[in-house]
Amino acid sequence: MIEPDELPESDLTQVTNISHANVQAVRAESVQMHEADAERIIAKEVELQQSAVGAIKAEHLHADHSLIGMAEAQDVSVSGGAVGFVQAEKMSAGGYAGVIVAGSVDIQHGMAGFVTGREVNVTESRTGILIARNVSGSVTTLLDARGALLVGLVSGLFAGLMLLLGRALFGRK
């Protein structure tokens, strides 16, 4: 995760606007980026438009057609972009996501590899693995309960055969 190198609020810049630039680290109350990239952002409010960020720690994050490596926030909204890992209380996605860990998840016309949350609302989307207390909407999962059982059995059989083969080839006599 992002290291806890928070600054006191008195040391934070109020608003940082970045356009057509490459920056390493940004700390501010509010960050707005347009066609720019940053390695790391720590802020209360972050708004990205056609930008790329490695890691974000914020209270509120809105990304439009942007790429995000990792985000930790209270409220995350991604439309038409991609995010690798998200940890949030509320997540709204309309693009591609690798891993989503959130209390409330809303995915519309998107794809996610792994989704876990208390409340998940899905509209015409696909997920690889979905773990949720309550799911509403039309979702297509690539791995259901029967598929998970089959993958587990095949993986265990394959691992066992590899161990036996390894012992037979490299075992002591």
N, C-alpha and C. Protein backbone atom coordinates (compact mmCIF):
# COMPACT_ATOMS: atom_id res chain seq x y z
N MET A 1 0.83 -1.18 0.00
CA MET A 1 0.00 0.00 0.00
C MET A 1 0.88 1.26 0.00
N ILE A 2 0.25 2.38 0.00
CA ILE A 2 0.96 3.65 0.01
C ILE A 2 1.45 3.91 1.42
N GLU A 3 2.72 4.29 1.55
CA GLU A 3 3.27 4.52 2.86
C GLU A 3 2.62 5.73 3.52
N PRO A 4 2.49 5.71 4.84
CA PRO A 4 1.79 6.78 5.54
C PRO A 4 2.66 8.01 5.75
N ASP A 5 3.01 8.69 4.71
CA ASP A 5 3.83 9.89 4.83
C ASP A 5 2.94 11.12 4.65
N GLU A 6 1.91 11.19 5.48
CA GLU A 6 0.97 12.30 5.44
C GLU A 6 1.64 13.57 5.96
N LEU A 7 1.29 14.67 5.39
CA LEU A 7 1.75 15.96 5.87
C LEU A 7 0.66 16.60 6.71
N PRO A 8 1.01 17.45 7.65
CA PRO A 8 -0.03 18.20 8.36
C PRO A 8 -0.82 19.03 7.36
N GLU A 9 -2.11 19.24 7.65
CA GLU A 9 -2.96 19.95 6.71
C GLU A 9 -2.46 21.36 6.42
N SER A 10 -1.76 21.99 7.34
CA SER A 10 -1.26 23.34 7.10
C SER A 10 -0.17 23.36 6.03
N ASP A 11 0.52 22.21 5.79
CA ASP A 11 1.58 22.15 4.80
C ASP A 11 1.08 21.77 3.41
N LEU A 12 -0.20 21.41 3.28
CA LEU A 12 -0.72 20.97 1.99
C LEU A 12 -1.09 22.15 1.11
N THR A 13 -0.77 22.04 -0.19
CA THR A 13 -1.21 23.02 -1.16
C THR A 13 -2.71 22.87 -1.32
N GLN A 14 -3.42 23.98 -1.50
CA GLN A 14 -4.88 23.91 -1.60
C GLN A 14 -5.32 23.16 -2.85
N VAL A 15 -4.97 23.64 -4.03
CA VAL A 15 -5.38 23.03 -5.29
C VAL A 15 -4.17 22.92 -6.20
N THR A 16 -4.00 21.74 -6.79
CA THR A 16 -2.91 21.53 -7.74
C THR A 16 -3.51 21.10 -9.07
N ASN A 17 -3.28 21.90 -10.10
CA ASN A 17 -3.73 21.57 -11.46
C ASN A 17 -2.51 21.16 -12.26
N ILE A 18 -2.57 19.98 -12.86
CA ILE A 18 -1.45 19.47 -13.65
C ILE A 18 -1.99 19.12 -15.03
N SER A 19 -1.36 19.68 -16.05
CA SER A 19 -1.80 19.42 -17.41
C SER A 19 -0.58 19.21 -18.30
N HIS A 20 -0.59 18.13 -19.07
CA HIS A 20 0.48 17.83 -20.02
C HIS A 20 1.85 17.82 -19.34
N ALA A 21 1.94 17.11 -18.20
CA ALA A 21 3.20 17.07 -17.47
C ALA A 21 3.41 15.70 -16.84
N ASN A 22 4.65 15.42 -16.49
CA ASN A 22 5.03 14.21 -15.77
C ASN A 22 5.54 14.64 -14.40
N VAL A 23 4.95 14.12 -13.34
CA VAL A 23 5.41 14.46 -11.99
C VAL A 23 5.63 13.18 -11.20
N GLN A 24 6.47 13.29 -10.19
CA GLN A 24 6.77 12.10 -9.39
C GLN A 24 5.78 11.97 -8.24
N ALA A 25 5.62 12.98 -7.41
CA ALA A 25 4.74 12.90 -6.26
C ALA A 25 3.98 14.22 -6.08
N VAL A 26 2.71 14.09 -5.71
CA VAL A 26 1.88 15.26 -5.49
C VAL A 26 1.16 15.09 -4.15
N ARG A 27 1.20 16.14 -3.31
CA ARG A 27 0.44 16.17 -2.06
C ARG A 27 -0.31 17.48 -2.02
N ALA A 28 -1.65 17.37 -1.94
CA ALA A 28 -2.46 18.59 -1.94
C ALA A 28 -3.85 18.29 -1.42
N GLU A 29 -4.60 19.35 -1.14
CA GLU A 29 -6.01 19.18 -0.76
C GLU A 29 -6.79 18.63 -1.95
N SER A 30 -6.59 19.24 -3.12
CA SER A 30 -7.31 18.85 -4.33
C SER A 30 -6.32 18.78 -5.49
N VAL A 31 -6.39 17.68 -6.26
CA VAL A 31 -5.52 17.50 -7.41
C VAL A 31 -6.39 17.27 -8.63
N GLN A 32 -6.12 18.06 -9.68
CA GLN A 32 -6.81 17.90 -10.95
C GLN A 32 -5.76 17.68 -12.02
N MET A 33 -5.87 16.56 -12.73
CA MET A 33 -4.89 16.23 -13.77
C MET A 33 -5.60 16.04 -15.11
N HIS A 34 -5.00 16.61 -16.15
CA HIS A 34 -5.52 16.46 -17.51
C HIS A 34 -4.36 16.09 -18.41
N GLU A 35 -4.44 14.92 -19.04
CA GLU A 35 -3.40 14.43 -19.94
C GLU A 35 -2.02 14.55 -19.31
N ALA A 36 -1.90 13.99 -18.09
CA ALA A 36 -0.64 14.04 -17.36
C ALA A 36 -0.44 12.70 -16.67
N ASP A 37 0.76 12.52 -16.10
CA ASP A 37 0.97 11.30 -15.32
C ASP A 37 1.78 11.62 -14.07
N ALA A 38 1.51 10.81 -13.04
CA ALA A 38 2.17 10.98 -11.76
C ALA A 38 2.48 9.61 -11.18
N GLU A 39 3.56 9.55 -10.43
CA GLU A 39 3.92 8.29 -9.78
C GLU A 39 3.06 8.07 -8.54
N ARG A 40 2.79 9.14 -7.76
CA ARG A 40 2.07 8.99 -6.50
C ARG A 40 1.31 10.27 -6.17
N ILE A 41 0.07 10.10 -5.70
CA ILE A 41 -0.74 11.25 -5.30
C ILE A 41 -1.33 10.97 -3.93
N ILE A 42 -1.22 11.96 -3.04
CA ILE A 42 -1.88 11.92 -1.74
C ILE A 42 -2.69 13.21 -1.64
N ALA A 43 -4.02 13.06 -1.56
CA ALA A 43 -4.88 14.24 -1.54
C ALA A 43 -6.25 13.86 -0.98
N LYS A 44 -7.04 14.89 -0.68
CA LYS A 44 -8.42 14.64 -0.26
C LYS A 44 -9.30 14.40 -1.49
N GLU A 45 -9.16 15.25 -2.51
CA GLU A 45 -9.95 15.14 -3.74
C GLU A 45 -9.00 14.98 -4.92
N VAL A 46 -9.27 13.97 -5.76
CA VAL A 46 -8.46 13.76 -6.96
C VAL A 46 -9.40 13.60 -8.14
N GLU A 47 -9.11 14.36 -9.21
CA GLU A 47 -9.88 14.25 -10.44
C GLU A 47 -8.89 14.07 -11.58
N LEU A 48 -9.06 12.95 -12.31
CA LEU A 48 -8.17 12.62 -13.41
C LEU A 48 -8.95 12.60 -14.71
N GLN A 49 -8.35 13.15 -15.75
CA GLN A 49 -8.96 13.10 -17.07
C GLN A 49 -7.86 12.76 -18.06
N GLN A 50 -7.96 11.60 -18.68
CA GLN A 50 -6.98 11.09 -19.62
C GLN A 50 -5.57 11.19 -19.04
N SER A 51 -5.41 10.62 -17.84
CA SER A 51 -4.14 10.68 -17.14
C SER A 51 -3.76 9.29 -16.63
N ALA A 52 -2.55 9.17 -16.10
CA ALA A 52 -2.07 7.91 -15.55
C ALA A 52 -1.39 8.18 -14.21
N VAL A 53 -1.70 7.33 -13.22
CA VAL A 53 -1.12 7.48 -11.88
C VAL A 53 -0.75 6.09 -11.36
N GLY A 54 0.42 6.00 -10.74
CA GLY A 54 0.86 4.74 -10.17
C GLY A 54 0.11 4.38 -8.91
N ALA A 55 0.03 5.29 -7.93
CA ALA A 55 -0.64 5.02 -6.66
C ALA A 55 -1.34 6.29 -6.17
N ILE A 56 -2.55 6.11 -5.67
CA ILE A 56 -3.34 7.23 -5.17
C ILE A 56 -3.88 6.89 -3.79
N LYS A 57 -3.76 7.84 -2.88
CA LYS A 57 -4.41 7.75 -1.57
C LYS A 57 -5.22 9.03 -1.42
N ALA A 58 -6.56 8.86 -1.34
CA ALA A 58 -7.44 10.03 -1.32
C ALA A 58 -8.73 9.69 -0.60
N GLU A 59 -9.51 10.73 -0.33
CA GLU A 59 -10.86 10.51 0.20
C GLU A 59 -11.82 10.29 -0.96
N HIS A 60 -11.74 11.14 -1.98
CA HIS A 60 -12.62 11.05 -3.14
C HIS A 60 -11.77 11.03 -4.41
N LEU A 61 -12.06 10.08 -5.30
CA LEU A 61 -11.31 9.93 -6.54
C LEU A 61 -12.29 9.76 -7.69
N HIS A 62 -12.13 10.59 -8.72
CA HIS A 62 -12.92 10.46 -9.94
C HIS A 62 -11.94 10.42 -11.10
N ALA A 63 -12.02 9.35 -11.90
CA ALA A 63 -11.12 9.19 -13.04
C ALA A 63 -11.93 8.96 -14.30
N ASP A 64 -11.64 9.72 -15.33
CA ASP A 64 -12.33 9.61 -16.61
C ASP A 64 -11.30 9.27 -17.69
N HIS A 65 -11.42 8.10 -18.30
CA HIS A 65 -10.49 7.64 -19.32
C HIS A 65 -9.04 7.73 -18.85
N SER A 66 -8.79 7.18 -17.67
CA SER A 66 -7.46 7.25 -17.07
C SER A 66 -7.00 5.87 -16.63
N LEU A 67 -5.70 5.75 -16.40
CA LEU A 67 -5.09 4.51 -15.93
C LEU A 67 -4.59 4.71 -14.51
N ILE A 68 -4.91 3.76 -13.61
CA ILE A 68 -4.50 3.86 -12.21
C ILE A 68 -3.93 2.51 -11.80
N GLY A 69 -2.74 2.52 -11.23
CA GLY A 69 -2.15 1.28 -10.75
C GLY A 69 -2.81 0.79 -9.48
N MET A 70 -2.86 1.64 -8.45
CA MET A 70 -3.43 1.27 -7.17
C MET A 70 -4.10 2.50 -6.55
N ALA A 71 -5.30 2.29 -6.01
CA ALA A 71 -6.02 3.39 -5.38
C ALA A 71 -6.59 2.96 -4.05
N GLU A 72 -6.43 3.83 -3.06
CA GLU A 72 -7.02 3.63 -1.74
C GLU A 72 -7.79 4.91 -1.42
N ALA A 73 -9.13 4.78 -1.33
CA ALA A 73 -9.96 5.96 -1.12
C ALA A 73 -11.28 5.57 -0.49
N GLN A 74 -12.01 6.56 0.01
CA GLN A 74 -13.35 6.31 0.54
C GLN A 74 -14.34 6.12 -0.60
N ASP A 75 -14.26 6.98 -1.60
CA ASP A 75 -15.21 6.99 -2.71
C ASP A 75 -14.43 7.04 -4.02
N VAL A 76 -14.62 6.02 -4.88
CA VAL A 76 -13.89 5.93 -6.14
C VAL A 76 -14.89 5.81 -7.29
N SER A 77 -14.66 6.60 -8.34
CA SER A 77 -15.48 6.52 -9.54
C SER A 77 -14.54 6.50 -10.74
N VAL A 78 -14.64 5.42 -11.53
CA VAL A 78 -13.79 5.26 -12.71
C VAL A 78 -14.71 5.04 -13.91
N SER A 79 -14.58 5.88 -14.93
CA SER A 79 -15.40 5.70 -16.13
C SER A 79 -14.48 5.65 -17.35
N GLY A 80 -14.61 4.59 -18.11
CA GLY A 80 -13.86 4.45 -19.35
C GLY A 80 -12.37 4.31 -19.17
N GLY A 81 -11.91 3.87 -18.03
CA GLY A 81 -10.49 3.72 -17.80
C GLY A 81 -10.16 2.34 -17.26
N ALA A 82 -9.00 2.22 -16.67
CA ALA A 82 -8.56 0.95 -16.10
C ALA A 82 -7.85 1.21 -14.78
N VAL A 83 -8.08 0.29 -13.84
CA VAL A 83 -7.44 0.38 -12.53
C VAL A 83 -6.98 -1.03 -12.13
N GLY A 84 -5.77 -1.11 -11.57
CA GLY A 84 -5.22 -2.40 -11.18
C GLY A 84 -5.79 -2.92 -9.88
N PHE A 85 -5.72 -2.12 -8.81
CA PHE A 85 -6.20 -2.52 -7.49
C PHE A 85 -6.90 -1.34 -6.84
N VAL A 86 -8.09 -1.59 -6.30
CA VAL A 86 -8.84 -0.54 -5.60
C VAL A 86 -9.28 -1.06 -4.25
N GLN A 87 -9.03 -0.27 -3.22
CA GLN A 87 -9.58 -0.53 -1.89
C GLN A 87 -10.36 0.71 -1.51
N ALA A 88 -11.69 0.54 -1.36
CA ALA A 88 -12.55 1.70 -1.12
C ALA A 88 -13.77 1.28 -0.32
N GLU A 89 -14.44 2.27 0.22
CA GLU A 89 -15.72 2.01 0.85
C GLU A 89 -16.81 1.95 -0.21
N LYS A 90 -16.74 2.83 -1.21
CA LYS A 90 -17.72 2.86 -2.30
C LYS A 90 -16.97 2.95 -3.62
N MET A 91 -17.26 2.02 -4.54
CA MET A 91 -16.58 1.98 -5.83
C MET A 91 -17.60 1.94 -6.94
N SER A 92 -17.43 2.80 -7.93
CA SER A 92 -18.27 2.81 -9.12
C SER A 92 -17.34 2.70 -10.32
N ALA A 93 -17.52 1.63 -11.12
CA ALA A 93 -16.61 1.39 -12.23
C ALA A 93 -17.37 1.25 -13.53
N GLY A 94 -16.82 1.83 -14.58
CA GLY A 94 -17.38 1.71 -15.91
C GLY A 94 -16.28 1.43 -16.91
N GLY A 95 -15.33 0.65 -16.51
CA GLY A 95 -14.20 0.33 -17.38
C GLY A 95 -13.63 -1.01 -16.98
N TYR A 96 -12.33 -1.09 -16.88
CA TYR A 96 -11.65 -2.32 -16.55
C TYR A 96 -11.02 -2.20 -15.16
N ALA A 97 -11.11 -3.28 -14.38
CA ALA A 97 -10.52 -3.30 -13.05
C ALA A 97 -9.91 -4.67 -12.80
N GLY A 98 -8.75 -4.69 -12.19
CA GLY A 98 -8.11 -5.95 -11.84
C GLY A 98 -8.70 -6.52 -10.57
N VAL A 99 -8.53 -5.81 -9.45
CA VAL A 99 -9.01 -6.26 -8.14
C VAL A 99 -9.77 -5.11 -7.50
N ILE A 100 -10.99 -5.40 -7.04
CA ILE A 100 -11.80 -4.41 -6.33
C ILE A 100 -12.15 -4.98 -4.96
N VAL A 101 -11.77 -4.28 -3.91
CA VAL A 101 -12.14 -4.63 -2.55
C VAL A 101 -12.86 -3.41 -1.99
N ALA A 102 -14.18 -3.54 -1.83
CA ALA A 102 -14.96 -2.37 -1.41
C ALA A 102 -16.20 -2.81 -0.64
N GLY A 103 -16.74 -1.90 0.12
CA GLY A 103 -17.99 -2.17 0.82
C GLY A 103 -19.15 -2.22 -0.15
N SER A 104 -19.26 -1.22 -0.99
CA SER A 104 -20.32 -1.12 -1.98
C SER A 104 -19.68 -0.97 -3.36
N VAL A 105 -20.05 -1.86 -4.29
CA VAL A 105 -19.46 -1.85 -5.63
C VAL A 105 -20.58 -1.73 -6.66
N ASP A 106 -20.38 -0.84 -7.63
CA ASP A 106 -21.31 -0.67 -8.74
C ASP A 106 -20.50 -0.74 -10.03
N ILE A 107 -20.74 -1.78 -10.83
CA ILE A 107 -20.01 -1.95 -12.09
C ILE A 107 -21.02 -1.88 -13.22
N GLN A 108 -20.80 -0.93 -14.14
CA GLN A 108 -21.69 -0.76 -15.28
C GLN A 108 -20.89 -0.87 -16.56
N HIS A 109 -21.27 -1.84 -17.41
CA HIS A 109 -20.64 -2.04 -18.71
C HIS A 109 -19.12 -2.12 -18.60
N GLY A 110 -18.64 -2.96 -17.68
CA GLY A 110 -17.20 -3.08 -17.48
C GLY A 110 -16.78 -4.50 -17.26
N MET A 111 -15.50 -4.66 -16.94
CA MET A 111 -14.92 -5.96 -16.65
C MET A 111 -14.04 -5.85 -15.42
N ALA A 112 -14.10 -6.87 -14.58
CA ALA A 112 -13.26 -6.90 -13.38
C ALA A 112 -12.75 -8.32 -13.17
N GLY A 113 -11.51 -8.44 -12.76
CA GLY A 113 -10.93 -9.75 -12.52
C GLY A 113 -11.41 -10.37 -11.23
N PHE A 114 -11.33 -9.64 -10.12
CA PHE A 114 -11.72 -10.12 -8.81
C PHE A 114 -12.48 -9.01 -8.10
N VAL A 115 -13.68 -9.30 -7.65
CA VAL A 115 -14.50 -8.31 -6.96
C VAL A 115 -14.97 -8.90 -5.64
N THR A 116 -14.79 -8.17 -4.56
CA THR A 116 -15.33 -8.58 -3.28
C THR A 116 -15.93 -7.36 -2.60
N GLY A 117 -17.12 -7.54 -2.02
CA GLY A 117 -17.80 -6.44 -1.34
C GLY A 117 -19.06 -6.91 -0.64
N ARG A 118 -19.60 -6.05 0.21
CA ARG A 118 -20.86 -6.37 0.89
C ARG A 118 -22.03 -6.28 -0.08
N GLU A 119 -22.13 -5.17 -0.78
CA GLU A 119 -23.21 -4.94 -1.75
C GLU A 119 -22.59 -4.74 -3.12
N VAL A 120 -22.99 -5.56 -4.08
CA VAL A 120 -22.46 -5.45 -5.44
C VAL A 120 -23.63 -5.33 -6.40
N ASN A 121 -23.61 -4.25 -7.19
CA ASN A 121 -24.62 -4.02 -8.22
C ASN A 121 -23.91 -4.04 -9.57
N VAL A 122 -24.37 -4.93 -10.46
CA VAL A 122 -23.69 -5.12 -11.73
C VAL A 122 -24.69 -4.94 -12.86
N THR A 123 -24.29 -4.17 -13.88
CA THR A 123 -25.12 -3.96 -15.06
C THR A 123 -24.32 -4.34 -16.30
N GLU A 124 -24.73 -5.42 -16.95
CA GLU A 124 -24.10 -5.88 -18.19
C GLU A 124 -22.58 -5.87 -18.11
N SER A 125 -22.06 -6.60 -17.13
CA SER A 125 -20.62 -6.63 -16.90
C SER A 125 -20.14 -8.06 -16.73
N ARG A 126 -18.82 -8.22 -16.78
CA ARG A 126 -18.21 -9.53 -16.60
C ARG A 126 -17.21 -9.45 -15.45
N THR A 127 -17.16 -10.53 -14.67
CA THR A 127 -16.17 -10.63 -13.61
C THR A 127 -15.51 -12.00 -13.68
N GLY A 128 -14.29 -12.07 -13.22
CA GLY A 128 -13.62 -13.36 -13.14
C GLY A 128 -14.10 -14.10 -11.92
N ILE A 129 -13.92 -13.50 -10.76
CA ILE A 129 -14.36 -14.07 -9.48
C ILE A 129 -15.12 -12.99 -8.75
N LEU A 130 -16.30 -13.33 -8.25
CA LEU A 130 -17.15 -12.39 -7.54
C LEU A 130 -17.51 -12.97 -6.18
N ILE A 131 -17.14 -12.26 -5.12
CA ILE A 131 -17.49 -12.67 -3.76
C ILE A 131 -18.24 -11.50 -3.13
N ALA A 132 -19.51 -11.73 -2.79
CA ALA A 132 -20.32 -10.65 -2.24
C ALA A 132 -21.42 -11.21 -1.35
N ARG A 133 -21.85 -10.39 -0.41
CA ARG A 133 -22.97 -10.77 0.44
C ARG A 133 -24.27 -10.63 -0.34
N ASN A 134 -24.48 -9.51 -1.01
CA ASN A 134 -25.67 -9.26 -1.82
C ASN A 134 -25.25 -8.83 -3.22
N VAL A 135 -25.79 -9.50 -4.24
CA VAL A 135 -25.50 -9.18 -5.63
C VAL A 135 -26.81 -8.87 -6.33
N SER A 136 -26.83 -7.76 -7.08
CA SER A 136 -28.01 -7.44 -7.88
C SER A 136 -27.56 -7.07 -9.29
N GLY A 137 -28.40 -7.37 -10.27
CA GLY A 137 -28.09 -7.05 -11.65
C GLY A 137 -27.69 -8.28 -12.44
N SER A 138 -27.32 -8.04 -13.69
CA SER A 138 -26.93 -9.14 -14.58
C SER A 138 -25.42 -9.18 -14.70
N VAL A 139 -24.83 -10.23 -14.16
CA VAL A 139 -23.38 -10.37 -14.18
C VAL A 139 -23.03 -11.71 -14.80
N THR A 140 -21.95 -11.73 -15.55
CA THR A 140 -21.43 -12.96 -16.10
C THR A 140 -20.10 -13.23 -15.40
N THR A 141 -20.02 -14.31 -14.65
CA THR A 141 -18.78 -14.67 -13.99
C THR A 141 -18.08 -15.75 -14.79
N LEU A 142 -16.80 -15.68 -14.86
CA LEU A 142 -16.03 -16.67 -15.59
C LEU A 142 -15.79 -17.91 -14.75
N LEU A 143 -15.91 -17.79 -13.44
CA LEU A 143 -15.66 -18.91 -12.54
C LEU A 143 -16.79 -18.99 -11.53
N ASP A 144 -17.71 -19.95 -11.73
CA ASP A 144 -18.79 -20.15 -10.77
C ASP A 144 -18.37 -21.23 -9.78
N ALA A 145 -19.29 -21.67 -8.93
CA ALA A 145 -18.96 -22.66 -7.90
C ALA A 145 -18.49 -23.97 -8.52
N ARG A 146 -19.18 -24.44 -9.54
CA ARG A 146 -18.78 -25.69 -10.20
C ARG A 146 -17.42 -25.53 -10.88
N GLY A 147 -17.20 -24.40 -11.52
CA GLY A 147 -15.92 -24.15 -12.17
C GLY A 147 -14.78 -24.06 -11.17
N ALA A 148 -15.04 -23.43 -10.01
CA ALA A 148 -14.01 -23.33 -8.96
C ALA A 148 -13.64 -24.71 -8.44
N LEU A 149 -14.65 -25.59 -8.27
CA LEU A 149 -14.37 -26.96 -7.83
C LEU A 149 -13.53 -27.70 -8.86
N LEU A 150 -13.87 -27.56 -10.11
CA LEU A 150 -13.12 -28.21 -11.17
C LEU A 150 -11.68 -27.70 -11.25
N VAL A 151 -11.50 -26.39 -11.16
CA VAL A 151 -10.15 -25.81 -11.18
C VAL A 151 -9.34 -26.31 -9.99
N GLY A 152 -9.96 -26.38 -8.81
CA GLY A 152 -9.27 -26.89 -7.62
C GLY A 152 -8.84 -28.34 -7.77
N LEU A 153 -9.74 -29.18 -8.30
CA LEU A 153 -9.40 -30.59 -8.50
C LEU A 153 -8.28 -30.77 -9.51
N VAL A 154 -8.37 -30.08 -10.63
CA VAL A 154 -7.34 -30.19 -11.66
C VAL A 154 -6.00 -29.66 -11.16
N SER A 155 -6.00 -28.53 -10.43
CA SER A 155 -4.76 -27.96 -9.90
C SER A 155 -4.12 -28.90 -8.89
N GLY A 156 -4.94 -29.48 -8.01
CA GLY A 156 -4.41 -30.42 -7.02
C GLY A 156 -3.83 -31.66 -7.67
N LEU A 157 -4.51 -32.18 -8.67
CA LEU A 157 -4.01 -33.34 -9.40
C LEU A 157 -2.70 -33.01 -10.10
N PHE A 158 -2.64 -31.86 -10.75
CA PHE A 158 -1.42 -31.44 -11.44
C PHE A 158 -0.26 -31.26 -10.45
N ALA A 159 -0.52 -30.60 -9.32
CA ALA A 159 0.53 -30.38 -8.32
C ALA A 159 1.03 -31.71 -7.76
N GLY A 160 0.11 -32.64 -7.49
CA GLY A 160 0.50 -33.95 -6.99
C GLY A 160 1.36 -34.72 -7.99
N LEU A 161 0.97 -34.67 -9.26
CA LEU A 161 1.77 -35.35 -10.29
C LEU A 161 3.16 -34.73 -10.42
N MET A 162 3.25 -33.41 -10.32
CA MET A 162 4.56 -32.74 -10.41
C MET A 162 5.45 -33.14 -9.22
N LEU A 163 4.86 -33.25 -8.02
CA LEU A 163 5.64 -33.67 -6.85
C LEU A 163 6.15 -35.10 -7.03
N LEU A 164 5.27 -35.99 -7.49
CA LEU A 164 5.69 -37.38 -7.72
C LEU A 164 6.78 -37.45 -8.79
N LEU A 165 6.63 -36.72 -9.86
CA LEU A 165 7.62 -36.70 -10.92
C LEU A 165 8.94 -36.15 -10.41
N GLY A 166 8.88 -35.09 -9.61
CA GLY A 166 10.10 -34.51 -9.04
C GLY A 166 10.83 -35.48 -8.14
N ARG A 167 10.10 -36.21 -7.31
CA ARG A 167 10.72 -37.20 -6.43
C ARG A 167 11.33 -38.34 -7.25
N ALA A 168 10.61 -38.74 -8.30
CA ALA A 168 11.12 -39.84 -9.12
C ALA A 168 12.40 -39.44 -9.86
N LEU A 169 12.47 -38.21 -10.33
CA LEU A 169 13.64 -37.76 -11.09
C LEU A 169 14.80 -37.32 -10.20
N PHE A 170 14.53 -36.65 -9.10
CA PHE A 170 15.58 -36.05 -8.29
C PHE A 170 15.67 -36.63 -6.89
N GLY A 171 14.92 -37.67 -6.61
CA GLY A 171 14.92 -38.28 -5.27
C GLY A 171 16.24 -38.98 -4.97
N ARG A 172 16.57 -39.12 -3.69
CA ARG A 172 17.80 -39.81 -3.27
C ARG A 172 17.60 -41.31 -3.31
N LYS A 173 18.65 -42.01 -3.62
CA LYS A 173 18.61 -43.47 -3.69
C LYS A 173 19.31 -44.09 -2.54
